[in-house]
Amino acid sequence: MIEPLELAGNESVVDLIDNVFARSGFNGRRLAEGAQLYRSMLDNNATVGLTIAGAMTPIGMSGIFSSLIEAGMVDFIISTGANLYHDLHRPYEFPMVQGSPDVDDNALADEGVARIYDVFIADDDTLMATDTVILDAVKQMDTSKPFSTATLHHKLGQMVFETAPHPEKSFVATAAKYDVPIYTSSPGDSSIGMNLIVPQLHGQDVNLNPLLDVIETAAIVRDADINGVVEIGGGSPKNFYLQTQPTLHQILLDKTKGGHDYFLQLTTDSPHWGGLSGATPSEARSWGKLKDARQNNVVVYSCASLTFPLIAQYALVKAAKRKQRRLFTRIGEMTDVMRDVAANHPAYRAQYSKYLDDPK
């Protein structure tokens, strides 16, 4: 029975989710199911990916990401480059403040202020100041050989720890501290990628290779006994995580996986428009991206600025902290295993014989 909901005695976030939202309906109940699913991922020792789309770090979500990383509840991350770029402002005390969407954007532009809905960011004091942080980090790297975005972001995080007054305000720095790899599915599509053209134009070859990201994320998923994901928004990070399964079984002919075990998405997108961000878990099952079309899959149709803090707090309170997997330190090992298994697989060699025997 759905009884009248009682707030009395359910003052904590955990009790509110278990005893109010879970006993209601619509997306209130989906929120509770999502929180409980995330806890199930953690209790069953899944390797948990976190994908981040939308403007999450500008509104302060960096602190929640860091808390989950520190508790061992996020093992690797796929994010838009913009979320990583805006994460770098606060540790250096570069201004990013609450504003209003009801403003004259011509006036803001004249004053040198950029707007992300109701967040104001200074052009010179914040954006251009952050650009120097990125350029200084890249200058210290050996970029002559191909490297993945995880390597780039690890270096950025290390530099924040070394040079910023408040490194604890950056989840990129926290990820570097705990060796949590962070990938960007479209590295050219952010201010980080924009900055990389400066050394490239002036004599420093920046061999950032996105194909290494495809390889490394597939190797991480292959290595895991159980895989789960928390998807904030949709877009490119969502699919980049999900495609690891077809990469294994469709491209590498590797049958060790049968789709991801857990899937939680927090989104405002709707599937009936046909966009990728609105693609349902059951549709993903048809591609072999998920293990089951119905079980262990939850989509909460609401703004992640509301739902993600509640779900994260639920997990931090109800699930036990986990030992850090430190996947960044194992990327080479996992990649080597995946490559060697593929190279020695008869079906793989038969499928790609003309490409393997006569590479261009």
Protein backbone atom coordinates (compact mmCIF):
# COMPACT_ATOMS: atom_id res chain seq x y z
CA MET A 1 0.00 0.00 0.00
CA ILE A 2 1.04 3.57 -0.65
CA GLU A 3 0.25 5.27 2.63
CA PRO A 4 0.37 8.97 3.49
CA LEU A 5 4.05 9.91 3.75
CA GLU A 6 5.39 10.87 7.16
CA LEU A 7 8.25 13.33 7.50
CA ALA A 8 8.38 13.08 11.28
CA GLY A 9 11.15 10.70 12.27
CA ASN A 10 12.74 10.89 8.83
CA GLU A 11 14.83 13.99 9.27
CA SER A 12 18.09 12.49 7.94
CA VAL A 13 18.78 12.16 4.21
CA VAL A 14 19.04 8.37 4.48
CA ASP A 15 15.72 8.03 6.29
CA LEU A 16 14.06 10.49 3.91
CA ILE A 17 15.15 8.37 0.94
CA ASP A 18 14.37 4.95 2.47
CA ASN A 19 11.14 5.84 4.26
CA VAL A 20 9.64 8.68 2.22
CA PHE A 21 10.89 8.67 -1.37
CA ALA A 22 11.04 4.86 -1.55
CA ARG A 23 7.42 4.63 -0.38
CA SER A 24 6.09 7.16 -2.87
CA GLY A 25 6.01 7.09 -6.67
CA PHE A 26 7.18 8.75 -9.88
CA ASN A 27 10.74 10.09 -9.75
CA GLY A 28 10.71 10.27 -5.97
CA ARG A 29 10.69 6.49 -5.97
CA ARG A 30 13.19 6.39 -8.84
CA LEU A 31 15.51 8.54 -6.70
CA ALA A 32 15.29 6.03 -3.86
CA GLU A 33 15.84 3.12 -6.25
CA GLY A 34 18.86 4.91 -7.70
CA ALA A 35 20.38 5.52 -4.28
CA GLN A 36 19.82 1.92 -3.29
CA LEU A 37 21.27 0.71 -6.60
CA TYR A 38 24.45 2.75 -6.05
CA ARG A 39 24.79 1.24 -2.60
CA SER A 40 24.34 -2.21 -4.15
CA MET A 41 27.18 -1.51 -6.60
CA LEU A 42 29.43 -0.61 -3.69
CA ASP A 43 28.38 -3.49 -1.45
CA ASN A 44 29.03 -5.95 -4.30
CA ASN A 45 32.49 -4.47 -4.89
CA ALA A 46 31.80 -3.27 -8.43
CA THR A 47 34.40 -1.22 -10.25
CA VAL A 48 32.45 2.04 -10.39
CA GLY A 49 32.71 4.55 -13.19
CA LEU A 50 31.37 8.08 -12.86
CA THR A 51 30.47 10.04 -15.98
CA ILE A 52 29.94 13.79 -15.79
CA ALA A 53 28.12 15.95 -18.31
CA GLY A 54 26.45 19.31 -17.80
CA ALA A 55 27.92 22.16 -15.77
CA MET A 56 28.50 20.29 -12.51
CA THR A 57 31.78 21.73 -11.22
CA PRO A 58 30.72 25.37 -11.69
CA ILE A 59 27.94 24.80 -9.12
CA GLY A 60 30.29 23.17 -6.60
CA MET A 61 29.93 19.43 -7.24
CA SER A 62 33.74 19.06 -7.06
CA GLY A 63 33.43 18.65 -3.30
CA ILE A 64 31.02 15.74 -3.63
CA PHE A 65 33.17 14.06 -6.28
CA SER A 66 36.17 14.35 -3.95
CA SER A 67 34.24 12.85 -1.03
CA LEU A 68 33.27 9.81 -3.11
CA ILE A 69 36.83 9.38 -4.40
CA GLU A 70 38.25 9.57 -0.88
CA ALA A 71 35.76 6.92 0.28
CA GLY A 72 36.78 4.57 -2.55
CA MET A 73 33.31 4.84 -4.11
CA VAL A 74 34.48 6.04 -7.55
CA ASP A 75 37.21 4.11 -9.37
CA PHE A 76 37.50 6.03 -12.64
CA ILE A 77 35.83 9.02 -14.26
CA ILE A 78 34.79 10.12 -17.73
CA SER A 79 33.95 13.81 -17.91
CA THR A 80 33.48 16.65 -20.30
CA GLY A 81 36.60 18.77 -20.50
CA ALA A 82 34.64 21.80 -19.33
CA ASN A 83 33.92 20.22 -15.94
CA LEU A 84 37.62 19.57 -15.45
CA TYR A 85 38.59 23.07 -16.57
CA HIS A 86 36.16 24.78 -14.19
CA ASP A 87 37.30 22.51 -11.38
CA LEU A 88 40.71 24.20 -11.58
CA HIS A 89 39.47 27.69 -10.60
CA ARG A 90 38.72 27.30 -6.90
CA PRO A 91 42.01 25.77 -5.69
CA TYR A 92 43.77 28.91 -6.96
CA GLU A 93 41.07 31.23 -5.56
CA PHE A 94 40.10 32.37 -9.05
CA PRO A 95 36.59 33.89 -8.80
CA MET A 96 33.52 31.85 -9.72
CA VAL A 97 30.47 33.19 -7.90
CA GLN A 98 26.69 33.00 -7.65
CA GLY A 99 24.94 35.32 -10.08
CA SER A 100 21.57 35.40 -11.79
CA PRO A 101 20.14 34.21 -15.11
CA ASP A 102 18.06 37.39 -15.30
CA VAL A 103 20.78 39.74 -16.46
CA ASP A 104 21.86 41.74 -19.48
CA ASP A 105 24.51 39.55 -21.11
CA ASN A 106 25.71 42.48 -23.18
CA ALA A 107 26.53 44.26 -19.93
CA LEU A 108 28.26 41.15 -18.56
CA ALA A 109 30.38 40.83 -21.69
CA ASP A 110 31.35 44.51 -21.47
CA GLU A 111 32.44 43.93 -17.86
CA GLY A 112 34.49 40.86 -18.76
CA VAL A 113 32.21 38.34 -17.05
CA ALA A 114 31.13 34.99 -18.54
CA ARG A 115 27.88 33.35 -17.43
CA ILE A 116 26.86 29.72 -16.97
CA TYR A 117 23.16 30.14 -16.18
CA ASP A 118 23.36 31.63 -12.65
CA VAL A 119 27.14 31.35 -12.20
CA PHE A 120 29.43 34.30 -13.01
CA ILE A 121 33.08 33.77 -14.01
CA ALA A 122 35.65 36.51 -14.56
CA ASP A 123 37.37 36.47 -17.95
CA ASP A 124 40.83 37.75 -16.93
CA ASP A 125 40.98 36.84 -13.24
CA THR A 126 39.59 33.32 -13.69
CA LEU A 127 39.53 31.98 -17.24
CA MET A 128 42.82 33.38 -18.50
CA ALA A 129 44.47 32.76 -15.14
CA THR A 130 43.43 29.10 -15.33
CA ASP A 131 44.83 28.91 -18.87
CA THR A 132 48.32 29.53 -17.46
CA VAL A 133 47.89 26.62 -15.02
CA ILE A 134 47.20 24.27 -17.92
CA LEU A 135 50.07 25.58 -20.02
CA ASP A 136 52.51 25.32 -17.09
CA ALA A 137 51.49 21.70 -16.52
CA VAL A 138 51.87 20.75 -20.18
CA LYS A 139 55.26 22.47 -20.33
CA GLN A 140 56.48 20.10 -17.62
CA MET A 141 55.28 16.99 -19.47
CA ASP A 142 57.06 14.86 -22.03
CA THR A 143 54.48 15.19 -24.80
CA SER A 144 56.67 13.81 -27.57
CA LYS A 145 55.20 10.32 -27.18
CA PRO A 146 51.46 9.49 -27.38
CA PHE A 147 49.60 9.83 -24.10
CA SER A 148 45.98 9.55 -22.98
CA THR A 149 43.77 12.18 -21.41
CA ALA A 150 44.11 10.27 -18.11
CA THR A 151 47.83 11.02 -18.16
CA LEU A 152 47.18 14.69 -18.89
CA HIS A 153 44.63 15.04 -16.11
CA HIS A 154 46.83 13.18 -13.65
CA LYS A 155 49.58 15.71 -14.32
CA LEU A 156 47.14 18.60 -13.92
CA GLY A 157 46.01 17.19 -10.58
CA GLN A 158 49.58 16.79 -9.40
CA MET A 159 50.35 20.38 -10.34
CA VAL A 160 47.33 21.64 -8.41
CA PHE A 161 48.69 19.84 -5.34
CA GLU A 162 52.11 21.35 -5.83
CA THR A 163 51.15 24.96 -6.60
CA ALA A 164 47.58 25.78 -5.50
CA PRO A 165 46.77 27.36 -2.12
CA HIS A 166 43.69 25.11 -1.74
CA PRO A 167 44.21 21.80 -3.61
CA GLU A 168 41.47 20.22 -1.50
CA LYS A 169 38.96 22.25 -3.52
CA SER A 170 39.80 20.34 -6.73
CA PHE A 171 38.46 16.86 -7.48
CA VAL A 172 41.06 16.59 -10.27
CA ALA A 173 43.72 16.96 -7.57
CA THR A 174 41.93 14.44 -5.32
CA ALA A 175 41.77 11.97 -8.20
CA ALA A 176 45.51 12.35 -8.81
CA LYS A 177 46.19 11.79 -5.09
CA TYR A 178 44.27 8.50 -5.12
CA ASP A 179 45.29 7.45 -8.66
CA VAL A 180 41.74 7.62 -10.02
CA PRO A 181 42.06 8.02 -13.81
CA ILE A 182 39.98 10.77 -15.43
CA TYR A 183 39.17 10.60 -19.13
CA THR A 184 37.62 13.11 -21.51
CA SER A 185 35.79 11.59 -24.44
CA SER A 186 36.28 14.68 -26.65
CA PRO A 187 39.51 16.34 -25.48
CA GLY A 188 39.41 19.11 -28.07
CA ASP A 189 36.00 20.29 -26.92
CA SER A 190 36.91 22.46 -23.92
CA SER A 191 39.26 25.21 -22.79
CA ILE A 192 41.81 22.55 -21.86
CA GLY A 193 41.96 21.41 -25.48
CA MET A 194 41.94 25.01 -26.67
CA ASN A 195 45.03 25.75 -24.57
CA LEU A 196 46.92 22.76 -25.95
CA ILE A 197 47.12 24.43 -29.36
CA VAL A 198 49.62 26.99 -28.02
CA PRO A 199 52.53 24.59 -27.47
CA GLN A 200 51.49 22.63 -30.57
CA LEU A 201 51.67 25.77 -32.72
CA HIS A 202 55.05 26.76 -31.35
CA GLY A 203 57.28 23.74 -31.54
CA GLN A 204 56.17 21.37 -28.77
CA ASP A 205 54.48 18.31 -30.24
CA VAL A 206 51.49 17.51 -28.02
CA ASN A 207 50.73 13.90 -28.90
CA LEU A 208 47.45 13.55 -27.05
CA ASN A 209 45.94 10.38 -28.51
CA PRO A 210 42.19 9.81 -27.88
CA LEU A 211 42.48 6.23 -29.14
CA LEU A 212 44.49 5.45 -26.01
CA ASP A 213 41.42 6.48 -24.01
CA VAL A 214 39.31 3.95 -25.92
CA ILE A 215 41.88 1.25 -25.23
CA GLU A 216 42.44 2.10 -21.56
CA THR A 217 38.78 2.38 -20.58
CA ALA A 218 38.02 -0.95 -22.27
CA ALA A 219 40.95 -2.53 -20.41
CA ILE A 220 39.67 -1.18 -17.08
CA VAL A 221 36.22 -2.63 -17.71
CA ARG A 222 37.64 -5.95 -18.87
CA ASP A 223 39.77 -6.25 -15.76
CA ALA A 224 36.81 -5.74 -13.38
CA ASP A 225 34.81 -8.63 -11.95
CA ILE A 226 31.68 -6.45 -11.75
CA ASN A 227 31.09 -3.14 -13.52
CA GLY A 228 28.76 -0.31 -12.54
CA VAL A 229 28.30 3.33 -13.46
CA VAL A 230 26.72 6.49 -12.14
CA GLU A 231 25.93 8.77 -15.08
CA ILE A 232 25.35 12.46 -14.42
CA GLY A 233 23.55 13.72 -17.51
CA GLY A 234 24.21 11.99 -20.79
CA GLY A 235 26.06 13.15 -23.86
CA SER A 236 29.46 11.92 -24.93
CA PRO A 237 30.72 10.78 -21.48
CA LYS A 238 27.69 8.50 -21.15
CA ASN A 239 28.30 6.63 -24.39
CA PHE A 240 32.06 6.61 -23.96
CA TYR A 241 31.61 4.53 -20.84
CA LEU A 242 28.92 2.28 -22.31
CA GLN A 243 30.86 1.61 -25.52
CA THR A 244 33.58 -0.24 -23.61
CA GLN A 245 31.46 -3.37 -23.74
CA PRO A 246 30.98 -3.39 -27.57
CA THR A 247 34.67 -2.52 -27.89
CA LEU A 248 35.42 -5.78 -26.14
CA HIS A 249 32.90 -8.16 -27.71
CA GLN A 250 32.36 -6.55 -31.13
CA ILE A 251 35.83 -5.23 -31.96
CA LEU A 252 38.20 -7.42 -29.93
CA LEU A 253 35.92 -10.50 -30.02
CA ASP A 254 36.53 -10.81 -26.27
CA LYS A 255 33.72 -12.78 -24.62
CA THR A 256 34.80 -12.21 -21.01
CA LYS A 257 32.03 -9.63 -20.54
CA GLY A 258 28.35 -9.59 -21.34
CA GLY A 259 27.51 -5.97 -20.68
CA HIS A 260 27.73 -3.71 -17.65
CA ASP A 261 26.17 -5.05 -14.47
CA TYR A 262 24.80 -1.80 -12.97
CA PHE A 263 23.57 1.39 -14.59
CA LEU A 264 22.30 4.56 -12.89
CA GLN A 265 21.59 7.72 -14.87
CA LEU A 266 20.47 11.10 -13.58
CA THR A 267 19.06 13.06 -16.50
CA THR A 268 16.48 15.54 -17.70
CA ASP A 269 16.56 14.14 -21.24
CA SER A 270 13.66 12.24 -22.74
CA PRO A 271 14.06 9.15 -24.94
CA HIS A 272 11.27 10.02 -27.37
CA TRP A 273 13.37 12.74 -29.08
CA GLY A 274 15.78 10.07 -30.30
CA GLY A 275 18.89 11.70 -28.88
CA LEU A 276 21.75 9.65 -27.47
CA SER A 277 21.45 11.28 -24.05
CA GLY A 278 17.90 10.00 -23.76
CA ALA A 279 18.72 6.43 -24.84
CA THR A 280 17.21 4.06 -22.33
CA PRO A 281 18.96 1.18 -20.55
CA SER A 282 16.82 -1.32 -22.44
CA GLU A 283 18.00 0.18 -25.73
CA ALA A 284 21.58 -0.05 -24.49
CA ARG A 285 20.98 -3.75 -23.82
CA SER A 286 20.25 -4.28 -27.52
CA TRP A 287 23.80 -3.10 -28.22
CA GLY A 288 25.30 -5.36 -25.58
CA LYS A 289 26.24 -2.38 -23.44
CA LEU A 290 24.26 -3.59 -20.43
CA LYS A 291 23.86 -7.11 -19.11
CA ASP A 292 20.10 -6.94 -18.67
CA ALA A 293 17.38 -4.70 -20.10
CA ARG A 294 15.52 -4.41 -16.79
CA GLN A 295 17.52 -5.52 -13.79
CA ASN A 296 19.94 -3.22 -11.94
CA ASN A 297 19.11 -0.28 -14.21
CA VAL A 298 17.60 2.97 -12.91
CA VAL A 299 17.04 6.30 -14.66
CA VAL A 300 16.03 9.23 -12.46
CA TYR A 301 14.40 11.93 -14.59
CA SER A 302 15.26 15.05 -12.64
CA CYS A 303 17.99 17.68 -12.37
CA ALA A 304 21.25 16.21 -11.10
CA SER A 305 21.85 19.33 -9.04
CA LEU A 306 19.04 17.96 -6.84
CA THR A 307 19.44 14.21 -7.12
CA PHE A 308 23.19 13.63 -7.12
CA PRO A 309 23.96 15.19 -3.70
CA LEU A 310 21.16 13.13 -2.15
CA ILE A 311 22.34 9.87 -3.74
CA ALA A 312 25.98 10.56 -2.88
CA GLN A 313 25.14 11.33 0.74
CA TYR A 314 23.05 8.15 0.94
CA ALA A 315 26.01 6.10 -0.28
CA LEU A 316 28.50 7.83 2.03
CA VAL A 317 26.30 7.13 5.05
CA LYS A 318 25.00 3.64 4.29
CA ALA A 319 27.85 1.97 2.37
CA ALA A 320 31.21 1.05 3.84
CA LYS A 321 34.31 2.87 2.68
CA ARG A 322 36.31 0.82 0.22
CA LYS A 323 40.01 0.29 -0.39
CA GLN A 324 41.34 2.46 -3.20
CA ARG A 325 41.81 0.52 -6.45
CA ARG A 326 44.36 3.07 -7.78
CA LEU A 327 43.61 2.06 -11.35
CA PHE A 328 45.89 4.72 -12.84
CA THR A 329 48.90 2.77 -11.62
CA ARG A 330 47.62 -0.40 -13.35
CA ILE A 331 46.65 0.96 -16.76
CA GLY A 332 49.72 -0.44 -18.51
CA GLU A 333 49.26 -3.89 -16.99
CA MET A 334 45.55 -4.08 -17.84
CA THR A 335 46.13 -2.85 -21.39
CA ASP A 336 48.91 -5.38 -22.00
CA VAL A 337 46.70 -8.25 -20.87
CA MET A 338 43.83 -7.16 -23.10
CA ARG A 339 46.11 -6.77 -26.13
CA ASP A 340 47.87 -10.11 -25.60
CA VAL A 341 44.62 -12.02 -25.18
CA ALA A 342 43.27 -10.49 -28.39
CA ALA A 343 46.46 -11.14 -30.34
CA ASN A 344 46.39 -14.83 -29.39
CA HIS A 345 42.68 -15.36 -30.01
CA PRO A 346 42.14 -17.44 -33.20
CA ALA A 347 38.88 -15.68 -34.15
CA TYR A 348 40.49 -12.28 -33.69
CA ARG A 349 43.49 -13.21 -35.83
CA ALA A 350 41.22 -14.60 -38.52
CA GLN A 351 39.03 -11.50 -38.51
CA TYR A 352 41.91 -9.03 -38.76
CA SER A 353 44.64 -11.08 -40.43
CA LYS A 354 45.22 -8.69 -43.31
CA TYR A 355 45.52 -5.76 -40.93
CA LEU A 356 47.75 -7.57 -38.42
CA ASP A 357 50.14 -9.06 -40.97
CA ASP A 358 50.52 -5.94 -43.14
CA PRO A 359 50.09 -2.84 -40.95
CA LYS A 360 50.41 0.48 -42.72
